Amino acid sequence: MEKKVFIKTFGCQMNEYDTNRMFDIVKKIGFVKTENQENAECYILNTCHIRDKAKEKVYHEIGRVKKIYNKKKKTNFNSSWLCRSG
């Protein structure tokens, strides 16, 4: 059975680039992308530290992911990576 990762990006184009690199890493250990949070064993939320709106959005998303995570018996890992360019 394939392991699924849900990745959501907040912020600028650099965050999009970083998200693609993160996926390249988890792909090497057997993960495939899913657009459905309910199906994911792994969640990656990538946000910008500079843009306040992106920070606020990720806090709300963490709350949604936490509800899904609490329903599951086991999740591989939760991760929030911050980009601080400039």
N, C-alpha and C. Protein backbone atom coordinates (compact mmCIF):
# COMPACT_ATOMS: atom_id res chain seq x y z
N MET A 1 0.83 -1.18 0.00
CA MET A 1 0.00 0.00 0.00
C MET A 1 0.88 1.25 0.00
N GLU A 2 0.51 2.22 -0.82
CA GLU A 2 1.28 3.46 -0.92
C GLU A 2 1.04 4.36 0.29
N LYS A 3 2.11 5.00 0.74
CA LYS A 3 1.99 6.00 1.78
C LYS A 3 1.66 7.32 1.09
N LYS A 4 0.73 8.08 1.67
CA LYS A 4 0.29 9.31 1.03
C LYS A 4 0.69 10.52 1.86
N VAL A 5 1.11 11.58 1.14
CA VAL A 5 1.49 12.84 1.78
C VAL A 5 0.58 13.94 1.24
N PHE A 6 0.09 14.76 2.14
CA PHE A 6 -0.68 15.95 1.77
C PHE A 6 0.21 17.15 2.05
N ILE A 7 0.44 17.96 1.02
CA ILE A 7 1.30 19.13 1.16
C ILE A 7 0.49 20.37 0.80
N LYS A 8 0.53 21.36 1.68
CA LYS A 8 -0.14 22.63 1.41
C LYS A 8 0.86 23.75 1.60
N THR A 9 0.85 24.69 0.67
CA THR A 9 1.83 25.77 0.66
C THR A 9 1.14 27.12 0.85
N PHE A 10 1.71 27.94 1.69
CA PHE A 10 1.23 29.30 1.92
C PHE A 10 2.41 30.23 1.69
N GLY A 11 2.20 31.35 1.01
CA GLY A 11 3.28 32.31 0.84
C GLY A 11 3.63 32.57 -0.60
N CYS A 12 4.91 32.74 -0.86
CA CYS A 12 5.40 33.22 -2.15
C CYS A 12 5.87 32.07 -3.06
N GLN A 13 6.40 32.45 -4.21
CA GLN A 13 6.90 31.46 -5.17
C GLN A 13 8.05 30.64 -4.60
N MET A 14 8.84 31.24 -3.73
CA MET A 14 9.94 30.51 -3.11
C MET A 14 9.38 29.36 -2.27
N ASN A 15 8.25 29.60 -1.62
CA ASN A 15 7.61 28.53 -0.85
C ASN A 15 7.16 27.41 -1.78
N GLU A 16 6.65 27.75 -2.94
CA GLU A 16 6.25 26.73 -3.92
C GLU A 16 7.46 25.89 -4.32
N TYR A 17 8.58 26.54 -4.58
CA TYR A 17 9.81 25.85 -4.94
C TYR A 17 10.23 24.90 -3.81
N ASP A 18 10.21 25.41 -2.58
CA ASP A 18 10.59 24.59 -1.42
C ASP A 18 9.66 23.39 -1.25
N THR A 19 8.37 23.60 -1.49
CA THR A 19 7.40 22.51 -1.39
C THR A 19 7.74 21.41 -2.38
N ASN A 20 8.09 21.79 -3.59
CA ASN A 20 8.48 20.78 -4.59
C ASN A 20 9.71 20.01 -4.15
N ARG A 21 10.66 20.69 -3.52
CA ARG A 21 11.86 19.99 -3.03
C ARG A 21 11.50 19.05 -1.87
N MET A 22 10.59 19.49 -1.00
CA MET A 22 10.15 18.63 0.10
C MET A 22 9.50 17.36 -0.44
N PHE A 23 8.67 17.53 -1.47
CA PHE A 23 8.04 16.36 -2.05
C PHE A 23 9.08 15.43 -2.66
N ASP A 24 10.09 16.00 -3.32
CA ASP A 24 11.16 15.16 -3.88
C ASP A 24 11.80 14.30 -2.80
N ILE A 25 11.95 14.84 -1.60
CA ILE A 25 12.56 14.10 -0.50
C ILE A 25 11.66 12.97 -0.02
N VAL A 26 10.38 13.28 0.25
CA VAL A 26 9.50 12.23 0.77
C VAL A 26 9.14 11.20 -0.30
N LYS A 27 9.20 11.59 -1.55
CA LYS A 27 8.96 10.65 -2.65
C LYS A 27 10.01 9.54 -2.64
N LYS A 28 11.25 9.89 -2.30
CA LYS A 28 12.34 8.92 -2.25
C LYS A 28 12.12 7.85 -1.17
N ILE A 29 11.29 8.16 -0.18
CA ILE A 29 11.03 7.17 0.87
C ILE A 29 9.64 6.55 0.71
N GLY A 30 9.07 6.70 -0.50
CA GLY A 30 7.86 5.95 -0.84
C GLY A 30 6.53 6.67 -0.76
N PHE A 31 6.53 7.98 -0.57
CA PHE A 31 5.26 8.70 -0.50
C PHE A 31 4.80 9.16 -1.87
N VAL A 32 3.48 9.18 -2.04
CA VAL A 32 2.85 9.77 -3.22
C VAL A 32 1.96 10.91 -2.74
N LYS A 33 1.75 11.92 -3.60
CA LYS A 33 0.91 13.06 -3.22
C LYS A 33 -0.55 12.68 -3.23
N THR A 34 -1.30 13.27 -2.31
CA THR A 34 -2.74 13.19 -2.31
C THR A 34 -3.30 14.59 -2.12
N GLU A 35 -4.43 14.87 -2.75
CA GLU A 35 -5.10 16.15 -2.57
C GLU A 35 -6.15 16.05 -1.47
N ASN A 36 -6.35 14.86 -0.93
CA ASN A 36 -7.36 14.62 0.08
C ASN A 36 -6.69 14.44 1.44
N GLN A 37 -6.88 15.39 2.32
CA GLN A 37 -6.25 15.33 3.65
C GLN A 37 -6.64 14.08 4.41
N GLU A 38 -7.85 13.62 4.23
CA GLU A 38 -8.35 12.46 4.97
C GLU A 38 -7.55 11.19 4.65
N ASN A 39 -6.97 11.12 3.44
CA ASN A 39 -6.23 9.93 3.01
C ASN A 39 -4.75 9.97 3.37
N ALA A 40 -4.28 11.07 3.90
CA ALA A 40 -2.83 11.25 4.11
C ALA A 40 -2.35 10.60 5.40
N GLU A 41 -1.17 10.00 5.31
CA GLU A 41 -0.45 9.52 6.49
C GLU A 41 0.54 10.58 6.96
N CYS A 42 0.85 11.52 6.09
CA CYS A 42 1.85 12.55 6.36
C CYS A 42 1.29 13.89 5.90
N TYR A 43 1.46 14.92 6.72
CA TYR A 43 1.02 16.27 6.39
C TYR A 43 2.23 17.19 6.42
N ILE A 44 2.39 17.97 5.37
CA ILE A 44 3.43 18.99 5.35
C ILE A 44 2.75 20.33 5.06
N LEU A 45 2.92 21.27 5.97
CA LEU A 45 2.42 22.62 5.78
C LEU A 45 3.62 23.54 5.67
N ASN A 46 3.79 24.13 4.51
CA ASN A 46 4.94 24.98 4.25
C ASN A 46 4.46 26.43 4.18
N THR A 47 5.02 27.28 5.02
CA THR A 47 4.56 28.66 5.06
C THR A 47 5.71 29.65 5.07
N CYS A 48 5.34 30.89 4.92
CA CYS A 48 6.29 32.00 4.91
C CYS A 48 6.31 32.66 6.28
N HIS A 49 7.47 32.93 6.78
CA HIS A 49 7.61 33.59 8.08
C HIS A 49 7.44 35.11 7.96
N ILE A 50 7.64 35.64 6.79
CA ILE A 50 7.61 37.09 6.57
C ILE A 50 6.18 37.61 6.39
N ARG A 51 5.39 36.90 5.62
CA ARG A 51 4.05 37.37 5.30
C ARG A 51 3.05 36.98 6.39
N ASP A 52 2.48 37.99 7.03
CA ASP A 52 1.57 37.75 8.16
C ASP A 52 0.33 36.96 7.74
N LYS A 53 -0.20 37.24 6.56
CA LYS A 53 -1.40 36.53 6.11
C LYS A 53 -1.11 35.04 5.97
N ALA A 54 0.05 34.69 5.44
CA ALA A 54 0.43 33.29 5.29
C ALA A 54 0.56 32.62 6.66
N LYS A 55 1.13 33.34 7.63
CA LYS A 55 1.26 32.78 8.98
C LYS A 55 -0.12 32.51 9.58
N GLU A 56 -1.03 33.43 9.44
CA GLU A 56 -2.38 33.25 9.98
C GLU A 56 -3.08 32.06 9.32
N LYS A 57 -2.93 31.94 8.01
CA LYS A 57 -3.57 30.84 7.30
C LYS A 57 -3.05 29.49 7.78
N VAL A 58 -1.76 29.39 8.02
CA VAL A 58 -1.20 28.11 8.44
C VAL A 58 -1.67 27.74 9.84
N TYR A 59 -1.88 28.72 10.71
CA TYR A 59 -2.40 28.42 12.04
C TYR A 59 -3.80 27.81 11.95
N HIS A 60 -4.62 28.36 11.07
CA HIS A 60 -5.97 27.81 10.87
C HIS A 60 -5.89 26.40 10.28
N GLU A 61 -4.97 26.21 9.36
CA GLU A 61 -4.80 24.89 8.74
C GLU A 61 -4.33 23.85 9.75
N ILE A 62 -3.45 24.25 10.64
CA ILE A 62 -2.99 23.33 11.69
C ILE A 62 -4.16 22.84 12.52
N GLY A 63 -5.11 23.72 12.81
CA GLY A 63 -6.31 23.32 13.55
C GLY A 63 -7.12 22.29 12.79
N ARG A 64 -7.26 22.47 11.47
CA ARG A 64 -8.00 21.50 10.66
C ARG A 64 -7.27 20.16 10.60
N VAL A 65 -5.95 20.21 10.43
CA VAL A 65 -5.16 18.98 10.36
C VAL A 65 -5.22 18.25 11.70
N LYS A 66 -5.18 19.00 12.78
CA LYS A 66 -5.23 18.39 14.12
C LYS A 66 -6.50 17.57 14.30
N LYS A 67 -7.63 18.07 13.82
CA LYS A 67 -8.89 17.33 13.92
C LYS A 67 -8.81 16.02 13.15
N ILE A 68 -8.23 16.06 11.96
CA ILE A 68 -8.07 14.84 11.14
C ILE A 68 -7.11 13.89 11.83
N TYR A 69 -5.98 14.43 12.30
CA TYR A 69 -4.95 13.63 12.97
C TYR A 69 -5.52 12.91 14.18
N ASN A 70 -6.34 13.60 14.96
CA ASN A 70 -6.90 13.00 16.18
C ASN A 70 -7.86 11.86 15.87
N LYS A 71 -8.47 11.85 14.68
CA LYS A 71 -9.38 10.77 14.29
C LYS A 71 -8.62 9.51 13.88
N LYS A 72 -7.38 9.69 13.45
CA LYS A 72 -6.59 8.56 12.96
C LYS A 72 -5.90 7.84 14.11
N LYS A 73 -5.66 6.55 13.89
CA LYS A 73 -4.95 5.77 14.91
C LYS A 73 -3.46 6.05 14.89
N LYS A 74 -2.93 6.25 13.68
CA LYS A 74 -1.49 6.45 13.57
C LYS A 74 -1.20 7.33 12.35
N THR A 75 -0.36 8.32 12.53
CA THR A 75 0.10 9.17 11.44
C THR A 75 1.62 9.21 11.52
N ASN A 76 2.29 9.15 10.39
CA ASN A 76 3.75 9.09 10.38
C ASN A 76 4.39 10.32 10.99
N PHE A 77 4.04 11.49 10.49
CA PHE A 77 4.57 12.70 11.10
C PHE A 77 3.80 13.93 10.63
N ASN A 78 3.83 14.93 11.46
CA ASN A 78 3.31 16.26 11.13
C ASN A 78 4.50 17.17 10.99
N SER A 79 4.46 18.06 10.02
CA SER A 79 5.59 18.94 9.82
C SER A 79 5.12 20.30 9.35
N SER A 80 5.72 21.32 9.87
CA SER A 80 5.50 22.68 9.39
C SER A 80 6.87 23.29 9.17
N TRP A 81 7.17 23.61 7.93
CA TRP A 81 8.47 24.19 7.61
C TRP A 81 8.28 25.65 7.26
N LEU A 82 9.13 26.50 7.78
CA LEU A 82 9.01 27.92 7.56
C LEU A 82 10.12 28.40 6.64
N CYS A 83 9.73 29.27 5.73
CA CYS A 83 10.71 29.89 4.83
C CYS A 83 10.93 31.32 5.30
N ARG A 84 12.16 31.69 5.41
CA ARG A 84 12.47 33.09 5.75
C ARG A 84 13.53 33.58 4.78
N SER A 85 13.07 33.99 3.61
CA SER A 85 14.03 34.50 2.62
C SER A 85 14.19 35.99 2.81
N GLY A 86 15.31 36.48 2.39
CA GLY A 86 15.52 37.92 2.45
C GLY A 86 16.45 38.34 3.54
